[in-house]
Amino acid sequence: MFQICRAQPDGPLIYDDTFSVFLVQVKSDSREGRDLHNDPIEFFLRKAPKVLEGEENVRAMVLRANAERSANPRHRSEVWIVIPDNSKTAVGAQYTYDRDMVNGD
């Protein structure tokens, strides 16, 4: 169980930029949640190719905001910044919730 949405500017920018920002919400103990945690590049190539815009030789850097994962994490939100063109870099920031964000448990 996962959902991805692309962040769009809500007004004019100073100049056009080439990077994209995505919010990813995922159920931590689902197959998608495990795949995204273990190998985000492979996950995006298989499940959401629009994120990497067809780039295959991409490196990823991940910041895990609360690295100590709870014994039974329920959901995770991640923000990914993808910088295409020459750098081919994806930078992610993860936050794992210790409760069910959908049902409020």
Protein backbone atom coordinates (compact mmCIF):
# COMPACT_ATOMS: atom_id res chain seq x y z
CA MET A 1 0.00 0.00 0.00
CA PHE A 2 1.59 3.27 -1.13
CA GLN A 3 0.76 6.59 -2.76
CA ILE A 4 2.99 9.10 -4.54
CA CYS A 5 2.17 12.68 -5.45
CA ARG A 6 4.32 15.31 -7.12
CA ALA A 7 4.63 18.68 -5.38
CA GLN A 8 3.89 21.63 -7.67
CA PRO A 9 4.71 25.30 -7.07
CA ASP A 10 1.67 27.36 -6.11
CA GLY A 11 2.96 30.45 -7.88
CA PRO A 12 5.50 31.63 -10.42
CA LEU A 13 9.13 30.67 -9.89
CA ILE A 14 12.12 32.97 -10.26
CA TYR A 15 13.50 30.60 -12.93
CA ASP A 16 12.73 27.17 -14.33
CA ASP A 17 14.37 24.37 -12.41
CA THR A 18 15.00 20.76 -13.36
CA PHE A 19 14.42 19.01 -10.05
CA SER A 20 11.17 17.41 -8.92
CA VAL A 21 9.76 16.87 -5.42
CA PHE A 22 7.54 13.93 -4.48
CA LEU A 23 5.68 12.98 -1.32
CA VAL A 24 5.51 9.22 -0.79
CA GLN A 25 3.24 7.67 1.83
CA VAL A 26 3.62 3.96 2.42
CA LYS A 27 2.48 1.30 4.86
CA SER A 28 5.72 0.27 6.52
CA ASP A 29 5.08 -3.46 6.77
CA SER A 30 3.80 -3.88 3.20
CA ARG A 31 5.95 -5.27 0.39
CA GLU A 32 6.18 -1.79 -1.11
CA GLY A 33 7.23 -0.34 2.26
CA ARG A 34 10.01 -2.89 2.64
CA ASP A 35 11.16 -2.46 -0.98
CA LEU A 36 11.25 1.33 -0.69
CA HIS A 37 13.21 1.10 2.58
CA ASN A 38 15.75 -1.43 1.25
CA ASP A 39 16.30 -0.21 -2.33
CA PRO A 40 14.52 3.04 -3.23
CA ILE A 41 15.98 3.29 -6.74
CA GLU A 42 14.77 -0.18 -7.72
CA PHE A 43 11.40 0.56 -6.11
CA PHE A 44 10.94 3.74 -8.16
CA LEU A 45 12.09 2.06 -11.39
CA ARG A 46 9.52 -0.73 -10.93
CA LYS A 47 6.59 0.97 -9.20
CA ALA A 48 6.81 4.67 -10.09
CA PRO A 49 9.06 5.33 -13.09
CA LYS A 50 7.79 8.92 -13.35
CA VAL A 51 9.79 9.76 -10.23
CA LEU A 52 13.15 9.05 -11.89
CA GLU A 53 12.02 10.26 -15.32
CA GLY A 54 13.59 7.33 -17.12
CA GLU A 55 17.01 7.71 -15.51
CA GLU A 56 18.54 4.36 -14.65
CA ASN A 57 22.02 5.24 -13.40
CA VAL A 58 20.85 7.11 -10.29
CA ARG A 59 22.39 7.33 -6.84
CA ALA A 60 20.26 7.75 -3.74
CA MET A 61 20.92 9.38 -0.39
CA VAL A 62 18.41 8.88 2.41
CA LEU A 63 18.00 10.75 5.68
CA ARG A 64 16.05 8.72 8.22
CA ALA A 65 14.70 11.34 10.61
CA ASN A 66 13.89 8.83 13.34
CA ALA A 67 16.37 6.08 12.61
CA GLU A 68 15.31 4.02 15.62
CA ARG A 69 12.38 2.16 14.09
CA SER A 70 9.64 1.21 16.48
CA ALA A 71 8.92 -2.48 17.04
CA ASN A 72 5.72 -2.23 15.02
CA PRO A 73 5.86 0.78 12.68
CA ARG A 74 2.65 1.39 10.78
CA HIS A 75 3.20 4.10 8.18
CA ARG A 76 6.00 6.15 6.71
CA SER A 77 6.05 9.48 4.90
CA GLU A 78 8.97 10.35 2.67
CA VAL A 79 9.88 13.39 0.64
CA TRP A 80 12.06 12.69 -2.39
CA ILE A 81 13.90 15.31 -4.40
CA VAL A 82 15.01 14.05 -7.77
CA ILE A 83 17.70 15.97 -9.61
CA PRO A 84 17.83 14.73 -13.22
CA ASP A 85 20.20 15.70 -16.02
CA ASN A 86 23.88 15.42 -15.21
CA SER A 87 23.81 14.66 -11.48
CA LYS A 88 21.24 11.82 -11.52
CA THR A 89 20.70 12.06 -7.78
CA ALA A 90 17.67 11.24 -5.63
CA VAL A 91 17.60 12.53 -2.06
CA GLY A 92 15.00 11.22 0.37
CA ALA A 93 13.93 12.15 3.89
CA GLN A 94 11.98 9.44 5.74
CA TYR A 95 9.81 9.66 8.83
CA THR A 96 8.27 6.55 10.37
CA TYR A 97 5.11 6.93 12.45
CA ASP A 98 4.62 4.63 15.44
CA ARG A 99 0.85 4.51 14.94
CA ASP A 100 -1.65 3.85 12.19
CA MET A 101 -2.07 7.20 10.43
CA VAL A 102 -5.10 6.01 8.46
CA ASN A 103 -7.16 4.64 11.34
CA GLY A 104 -5.65 6.76 14.13
CA ASP A 105 -4.63 3.71 16.22
